[in-house]
Protein backbone atom coordinates (compact mmCIF):
# COMPACT_ATOMS: atom_id res chain seq x y z
CA UNK A 1 6.81 27.29 -1.25
CA UNK A 2 4.80 25.01 0.62
CA UNK A 3 0.89 23.80 -0.78
CA UNK A 4 -1.73 22.75 1.81
CA UNK A 5 -4.77 20.99 0.74
CA UNK A 6 -7.50 21.04 3.14
CA UNK A 7 -9.46 17.57 2.78
CA UNK A 8 -12.21 18.37 5.25
CA UNK A 9 -14.97 20.84 6.37
CA UNK A 10 -16.07 23.18 3.21
CA UNK A 11 -14.32 20.77 0.58
CA UNK A 12 -16.84 17.53 2.12
CA UNK A 13 -19.92 19.70 2.06
CA UNK A 14 -19.15 21.17 -1.08
CA UNK A 15 -19.18 17.49 -2.43
CA UNK A 16 -22.03 16.53 -0.85
CA UNK A 17 -24.65 19.12 -2.02
CA UNK A 18 -23.19 18.71 -5.84
CA UNK A 19 -23.80 14.88 -5.37
CA UNK A 20 -27.45 15.70 -4.24
CA UNK A 21 -28.31 18.31 -6.82
CA UNK A 22 -26.92 15.62 -9.57
CA UNK A 23 -29.24 12.61 -8.02
CA UNK A 24 -32.09 15.15 -7.71
CA UNK A 25 -31.74 16.23 -11.41
CA UNK A 26 -31.21 12.57 -12.67
CA UNK A 27 -34.95 11.96 -10.65
CA UNK A 28 -33.43 8.72 -9.40
CA UNK A 29 -36.05 6.69 -7.72
CA UNK A 30 -36.32 5.79 -3.94
CA UNK A 31 -33.58 2.47 -3.64
CA UNK A 32 -31.72 3.38 -6.57
CA UNK A 33 -27.86 2.11 -6.24
CA UNK A 34 -25.03 4.71 -6.95
CA UNK A 35 -21.65 4.17 -8.75
CA UNK A 36 -18.72 2.42 -6.25
CA UNK A 37 -17.25 5.56 -3.96
CA UNK A 38 -13.83 4.92 -6.10
CA UNK A 39 -15.76 5.50 -9.51
CA UNK A 40 -17.62 8.85 -7.76
CA UNK A 41 -14.42 10.31 -6.48
CA UNK A 42 -12.82 10.06 -9.98
CA UNK A 43 -16.20 11.33 -11.52
CA UNK A 44 -16.09 14.66 -9.25
CA UNK A 45 -12.17 15.13 -9.54
CA UNK A 46 -11.49 14.51 -5.70
CA UNK A 47 -9.94 11.88 -3.46
CA UNK A 48 -11.28 8.79 -2.25
CA UNK A 49 -11.69 10.28 1.55
CA UNK A 50 -13.49 13.19 0.39
CA UNK A 51 -16.08 11.27 -1.32
CA UNK A 52 -16.46 9.00 1.46
CA UNK A 53 -16.66 11.58 4.29
CA UNK A 54 -19.64 13.42 1.59
CA UNK A 55 -21.23 10.71 1.30
CA UNK A 56 -21.23 9.78 4.77
CA UNK A 57 -22.48 13.18 5.72
CA UNK A 58 -25.88 12.37 3.42
CA UNK A 59 -26.04 9.37 5.14
CA UNK A 60 -26.31 10.96 8.27
CA UNK A 61 -28.90 13.64 6.87
CA UNK A 62 -30.79 10.76 5.95
CA UNK A 63 -30.73 11.45 1.92
CA UNK A 64 -28.76 8.07 1.26
CA UNK A 65 -28.32 4.96 3.18
CA UNK A 66 -25.47 2.32 3.13
CA UNK A 67 -26.12 -1.50 2.98
CA UNK A 68 -23.11 -3.89 3.92
CA UNK A 69 -21.44 -5.57 1.37
CA UNK A 70 -24.17 -4.01 -1.29
CA UNK A 71 -22.92 -0.33 -1.59
CA UNK A 72 -25.05 3.02 -1.26
CA UNK A 73 -28.61 3.86 -2.01
CA UNK A 74 -30.50 6.73 -2.38
CA UNK A 75 -33.19 6.79 0.59
CA UNK A 76 -35.16 10.03 0.35
CA UNK A 77 -34.74 11.62 -2.88
CA UNK A 78 -36.77 14.88 -2.10
CA UNK A 79 -35.55 15.32 1.34
CA UNK A 80 -33.55 18.61 2.04
CA UNK A 81 -30.44 18.86 3.87
CA UNK A 82 -28.82 21.67 6.15
CA UNK A 83 -25.35 21.05 7.05
CA UNK A 84 -24.98 24.10 9.43
CA UNK A 85 -27.35 22.76 11.86
CA UNK A 86 -25.30 19.51 12.25
CA UNK A 87 -22.87 20.22 15.14
CA UNK A 88 -19.89 17.57 15.27
CA UNK A 89 -17.16 17.54 17.75
CA UNK A 90 -13.87 19.04 16.36
CA UNK A 91 -11.66 16.14 14.76
CA UNK A 92 -7.88 15.85 15.63
CA UNK A 93 -5.83 16.86 12.49
CA UNK A 94 -2.62 14.93 11.25
CA UNK A 95 -0.72 16.03 8.43
CA UNK A 96 0.46 13.96 5.57
CA UNK A 97 3.59 15.95 4.21
CA UNK A 98 5.10 14.92 0.98
CA UNK A 99 9.00 16.21 1.20
CA UNK A 100 9.99 17.15 -2.55
CA UNK A 101 8.54 13.72 -3.97
CA UNK A 102 5.62 15.43 -6.49
CA UNK A 103 6.84 13.20 -9.11
CA UNK A 104 6.50 10.05 -7.41
CA UNK A 105 3.25 10.99 -5.78
CA UNK A 106 1.69 11.81 -9.13
CA UNK A 107 3.33 8.66 -11.48
CA UNK A 108 3.66 5.70 -9.02
CA UNK A 109 1.15 3.34 -7.83
CA UNK A 110 2.89 2.64 -5.01
CA UNK A 111 1.89 5.95 -3.20
CA UNK A 112 -1.59 5.64 -4.37
CA UNK A 113 -1.72 2.27 -2.22
CA UNK A 114 0.10 4.27 0.65
CA UNK A 115 -2.44 6.83 1.00
CA UNK A 116 -5.13 4.45 0.98
CA UNK A 117 -4.17 3.03 3.62
CA UNK A 118 -3.33 6.17 5.46
CA UNK A 119 -6.95 7.38 4.40
CA UNK A 120 -8.68 3.98 5.63
CA UNK A 121 -7.14 3.77 9.14
CA UNK A 122 -7.31 7.77 9.89
CA UNK A 123 -11.14 7.28 8.64
CA UNK A 124 -11.59 4.43 11.01
CA UNK A 125 -10.04 6.51 14.05
CA UNK A 126 -12.07 9.61 13.29
CA UNK A 127 -9.07 11.74 12.26
CA UNK A 128 -8.94 14.48 9.85
CA UNK A 129 -6.10 14.48 7.36
CA UNK A 130 -4.43 17.85 5.75
CA UNK A 131 -2.10 16.46 3.09
CA UNK A 132 0.80 19.28 2.24
CA UNK A 133 3.88 19.43 0.21
CA UNK A 134 7.08 20.42 1.96
CA UNK A 135 9.65 22.22 -0.17
CA UNK A 136 11.16 25.09 1.54
CA UNK A 137 11.56 24.03 5.62
CA UNK A 138 11.66 27.57 6.74
CA UNK A 139 8.41 28.52 4.86
CA UNK A 140 6.63 25.27 6.09
CA UNK A 141 7.38 26.25 10.02
CA UNK A 142 5.34 29.45 9.06
CA UNK A 143 1.98 27.57 7.93
CA UNK A 144 -1.36 26.84 9.55
CA UNK A 145 -0.83 23.05 8.82
CA UNK A 146 2.54 23.29 10.65
CA UNK A 147 1.12 25.09 13.67
CA UNK A 148 -2.17 23.16 14.12
CA UNK A 149 -1.81 19.57 13.22
CA UNK A 150 -1.20 17.22 16.35
CA UNK A 151 0.98 14.98 14.29
CA UNK A 152 3.25 14.66 10.92
CA UNK A 153 3.47 11.47 8.46
CA UNK A 154 7.02 12.72 6.46
CA UNK A 155 6.89 10.72 3.43
CA UNK A 156 9.49 11.28 0.73
CA UNK A 157 13.50 10.76 0.66
CA UNK A 158 16.03 10.94 3.21
CA UNK A 159 14.16 13.56 5.42
CA UNK A 160 16.83 13.50 8.14
CA UNK A 161 17.80 17.42 7.36
CA UNK A 162 14.51 18.22 8.46
CA UNK A 163 15.04 17.17 12.57
CA UNK A 164 15.65 20.71 13.75
CA UNK A 165 11.96 21.70 11.91
CA UNK A 166 10.25 19.14 13.58
CA UNK A 167 12.18 18.82 16.88
CA UNK A 168 9.19 19.56 18.80
CA UNK A 169 6.62 17.99 16.67
CA UNK A 170 5.05 14.56 16.84
CA UNK A 171 6.56 12.68 13.67
CA UNK A 172 6.35 9.30 12.13
CA UNK A 173 8.69 8.88 8.64
CA UNK A 174 6.80 6.66 6.10
CA UNK A 175 8.91 4.43 3.35
CA UNK A 176 12.23 4.98 3.57
CA UNK A 177 13.01 8.64 5.10
CA UNK A 178 13.98 9.39 8.50
CA UNK A 179 17.16 7.15 9.48
CA UNK A 180 18.54 8.89 12.41
CA UNK A 181 15.69 10.39 14.26
CA UNK A 182 11.22 10.39 14.60
CA UNK A 183 9.64 6.99 14.22
CA UNK A 184 9.60 4.95 11.16
CA UNK A 185 7.55 2.93 9.55
CA UNK A 186 9.03 1.33 6.18
CA UNK A 187 9.33 -1.90 4.63
CA UNK A 188 12.47 -4.30 5.11
CA UNK A 189 14.50 -2.92 2.21
CA UNK A 190 17.57 -4.94 2.17
CA UNK A 191 14.92 -8.03 2.68
CA UNK A 192 13.55 -7.13 -0.83
CA UNK A 193 17.32 -8.44 -2.61
CA UNK A 194 17.34 -11.28 -0.05
CA UNK A 195 13.69 -12.83 -0.98
CA UNK A 196 14.79 -12.20 -4.60
CA UNK A 197 18.09 -14.15 -4.23
CA UNK A 198 16.26 -17.03 -2.94
CA UNK A 199 13.37 -17.16 -5.28
CA UNK A 200 15.78 -17.21 -8.20
CA UNK A 201 17.93 -19.86 -7.01
CA UNK A 202 15.23 -21.91 -5.65
CA UNK A 203 13.95 -22.40 -9.04
CA UNK A 204 17.31 -23.39 -10.59
CA UNK A 205 18.92 -20.26 -11.91
CA UNK A 206 22.48 -19.81 -10.88
CA UNK A 207 23.95 -17.22 -13.38
CA UNK A 208 22.24 -13.95 -12.50
CA UNK A 209 22.42 -10.06 -13.43
CA UNK A 210 21.09 -7.42 -10.88
CA UNK A 211 19.99 -4.12 -12.46
CA UNK A 212 19.93 -0.71 -10.31
CA UNK A 213 19.60 3.37 -11.40
CA UNK A 214 18.92 4.04 -7.74
CA UNK A 215 21.74 4.96 -5.28
CA UNK A 216 19.49 4.85 -1.99
CA UNK A 217 16.94 2.18 -2.00
CA UNK A 218 17.96 0.21 -5.27
CA UNK A 219 21.69 -0.05 -4.00
CA UNK A 220 21.06 -1.59 -0.93
CA UNK A 221 18.66 -3.81 -2.60
CA UNK A 222 21.24 -5.14 -4.86
CA UNK A 223 23.89 -5.34 -2.75
CA UNK A 224 21.91 -7.83 -0.33
CA UNK A 225 20.51 -9.39 -3.37
CA UNK A 226 24.43 -9.72 -5.12
CA UNK A 227 25.54 -11.10 -1.48
CA UNK A 228 23.19 -13.87 -0.64
CA UNK A 229 22.93 -14.90 -4.38
CA UNK A 230 26.85 -15.52 -4.17
CA UNK A 231 26.52 -17.24 -0.90
CA UNK A 232 23.84 -19.63 -2.47
CA UNK A 233 26.68 -20.34 -5.19
CA UNK A 234 25.51 -18.57 -7.77
CA UNK A 235 27.42 -15.81 -9.91
CA UNK A 236 25.98 -12.24 -10.17
CA UNK A 237 26.58 -9.81 -13.04
CA UNK A 238 25.82 -6.33 -11.59
CA UNK A 239 24.97 -3.64 -13.71
CA UNK A 240 24.27 -0.46 -11.94
CA UNK A 241 24.31 3.47 -13.17
CA UNK A 242 22.19 5.77 -10.74
CA UNK A 243 22.96 8.49 -13.88
CA UNK A 244 20.43 6.37 -16.01
CA UNK A 245 17.65 7.83 -14.08
CA UNK A 246 16.95 11.23 -15.24
CA UNK A 247 14.39 12.99 -12.68
CA UNK A 248 12.56 16.28 -13.38
CA UNK A 249 10.35 17.88 -11.01
CA UNK A 250 6.80 16.13 -11.86
CA UNK A 251 8.50 13.46 -14.11
CA UNK A 252 11.34 10.91 -14.77
CA UNK A 253 12.89 8.97 -17.68
CA UNK A 254 15.61 6.42 -18.28
CA UNK A 255 18.38 7.05 -20.74
CA UNK A 256 17.60 4.29 -23.27
CA UNK A 257 21.43 4.07 -24.38
CA UNK A 258 22.24 2.90 -20.86
CA UNK A 259 19.27 0.68 -21.15
CA UNK A 260 20.16 -0.81 -24.89
CA UNK A 261 24.16 -1.42 -23.48
CA UNK A 262 22.67 -3.66 -20.37
CA UNK A 263 20.61 -5.49 -22.87
CA UNK A 264 23.75 -6.22 -25.59
CA UNK A 265 25.75 -7.12 -22.07
CA UNK A 266 23.44 -9.26 -20.58
CA UNK A 267 23.12 -11.27 -24.13
CA UNK A 268 26.86 -11.37 -24.55
CA UNK A 269 27.83 -12.67 -21.19
CA UNK A 270 28.64 -16.38 -21.35
CA UNK A 271 27.17 -17.86 -19.96
CA UNK A 272 24.19 -15.82 -20.21
CA UNK A 273 22.21 -15.09 -16.98
CA UNK A 274 19.06 -16.75 -16.83
CA UNK A 275 17.34 -14.66 -13.87
CA UNK A 276 17.41 -11.14 -13.33
CA UNK A 277 16.60 -8.69 -10.24
CA UNK A 278 16.15 -5.19 -11.32
CA UNK A 279 15.03 -2.55 -9.30
CA UNK A 280 11.53 -1.36 -9.66
CA UNK A 281 12.47 1.90 -11.37
CA UNK A 282 13.71 0.54 -14.43
CA UNK A 283 11.76 -2.62 -14.78
CA UNK A 284 9.03 -1.85 -17.22
CA UNK A 285 11.45 -0.08 -19.77
CA UNK A 286 13.91 -3.05 -19.69
CA UNK A 287 11.88 -5.79 -19.91
CA UNK A 288 10.02 -4.13 -23.14
CA UNK A 289 13.46 -3.28 -24.71
CA UNK A 290 14.68 -7.27 -23.86
CA UNK A 291 11.05 -8.20 -25.81
CA UNK A 292 11.81 -5.92 -28.66
CA UNK A 293 15.67 -7.28 -28.79
CA UNK A 294 14.26 -11.21 -29.49
CA UNK A 295 14.85 -12.10 -25.55
CA UNK A 296 11.75 -14.31 -24.73
CA UNK A 297 11.08 -13.45 -21.24
CA UNK A 298 10.07 -16.09 -18.87
CA UNK A 299 12.11 -18.64 -21.15
CA UNK A 300 15.44 -17.17 -21.87
CA UNK A 301 15.69 -15.10 -18.67
CA UNK A 302 13.47 -14.95 -15.67
CA UNK A 303 13.00 -11.08 -13.89
CA UNK A 304 11.68 -10.42 -10.82
CA UNK A 305 11.35 -7.12 -9.00
CA UNK A 306 8.59 -5.27 -7.04
CA UNK A 307 6.05 -2.74 -7.28
CA UNK A 308 5.23 -4.34 -11.03
CA UNK A 309 1.53 -3.10 -12.10
CA UNK A 310 0.82 -3.75 -15.96
CA UNK A 311 2.19 -6.41 -18.40
CA UNK A 312 5.03 -5.50 -21.00
CA UNK A 313 4.51 -3.37 -23.63
CA UNK A 314 6.02 -5.14 -26.63
CA UNK A 315 3.17 -7.42 -27.18
CA UNK A 316 3.80 -9.69 -24.74
CA UNK A 317 1.65 -11.04 -22.06
CA UNK A 318 4.49 -11.55 -19.73
CA UNK A 319 4.77 -10.26 -16.12
CA UNK A 320 8.04 -10.97 -14.02
CA UNK A 321 7.98 -12.50 -10.67
CA UNK A 322 6.69 -9.36 -8.13
CA UNK A 323 7.97 -8.52 -4.82
CA UNK A 324 5.27 -6.84 -2.48
CA UNK A 325 5.74 -4.69 0.20
CA UNK A 326 2.42 -4.20 1.65
CA UNK A 327 2.20 -0.36 1.27
CA UNK A 328 -1.56 -0.20 2.60
CA UNK A 329 -0.19 -2.09 5.69
CA UNK A 330 2.11 0.61 5.79
CA UNK A 331 -0.02 3.52 5.43
CA UNK A 332 -2.31 1.83 8.26
CA UNK A 333 0.49 0.87 10.64
CA UNK A 334 2.20 4.66 9.90
CA UNK A 335 -1.22 6.21 11.41
CA UNK A 336 -1.47 3.61 14.62
CA UNK A 337 1.81 4.88 15.04
CA UNK A 338 1.47 8.69 15.29
CA UNK A 339 -1.51 8.01 17.78
CA UNK A 340 0.60 6.14 20.00
CA UNK A 341 3.74 8.81 19.54
CA UNK A 342 0.98 11.77 20.68
CA UNK A 343 0.17 9.52 23.60
CA UNK A 344 3.58 8.83 24.38
CA UNK A 345 5.53 11.66 23.65
CA UNK A 346 8.82 10.62 25.58
CA UNK A 347 8.94 7.05 24.81
CA UNK A 348 12.02 5.82 23.04
CA UNK A 349 12.30 6.02 19.15
CA UNK A 350 10.71 2.79 17.22
CA UNK A 351 11.32 1.62 13.65
CA UNK A 352 8.53 -0.82 12.23
CA UNK A 353 9.34 -2.64 9.15
CA UNK A 354 6.58 -4.73 7.17
CA UNK A 355 8.76 -7.66 5.48
CA UNK A 356 7.97 -8.08 1.71
CA UNK A 357 6.98 -11.48 0.17
CA UNK A 358 6.54 -12.90 -3.16
CA UNK A 359 2.88 -12.46 -4.74
CA UNK A 360 1.44 -15.86 -5.40
CA UNK A 361 -0.18 -15.16 -8.33
CA UNK A 362 1.27 -13.50 -11.69
CA UNK A 363 -2.39 -12.24 -13.12
């Protein structure tokens, strides 16, 4: 089954009408400032892109006004609006197609950041976006999204098996997908591990541990970390257990017994590792367990990971070193690459990688 959500057309107009009605009910004065768009989007339970377009519609009609750097304001509270009379040129439609990764889209901030980059660039280029979930390729082939989209951004796991479905389509695979076909915009996955090894060794750590629960991108990162760290003169304890990551349709969790065994091995190893590279999927629960077991994070062991987005949950304010992979930039580049592909259908396949970097702030 494929679920397609149209983010434009009637949905935008509906939100605009609701917003105008609510502002009139509150009897705001001319010049009153609205909440930031992201807050409004949360309040109306719609995407940032829909709210942005709804506000733009009200601005074009003279009901609201924007001031650069200041926000959105009421311009004429009693003005009536009628969208049906506004004839606009039809926009080019592109599809963001998530390939069986609903749990990641719902749970992982990196995908929200990716979407923000895509939406911002698509808006700048005047593109309409349709978001769809692809579960059954043959069913998806029969959808209106498949028939009418000018191009596709495929986000998800390994999409090599989907090549026959999109054989005659303009496609850009985004963040770790499509190794053998289609244009590909992603992060330098192997370089995440290399960068982590460089950073820990530069900080004086000679006894290291790398921890992985993912047979795909995590394994590649850890292999690069181990090889590079050893080349720099460090020794590495490698803890690897893909079976520890239990994945359901909408959630994932880490087997607690495996985490406990890893912490025990780290604490019992002589000499004990003082630096750890932890694949992002397991970083939060492992850091929390280490703290609960009495390890002083940042003193007994320094941790580096990627996509870190909150403090450890055991009462300590510690935050690991974080490798930034720039998902917003990847999203914007993917939209630009898809536009280029639409205009250059016969050009050679392109792979574009955004290089990771160490965050300069630990706040």
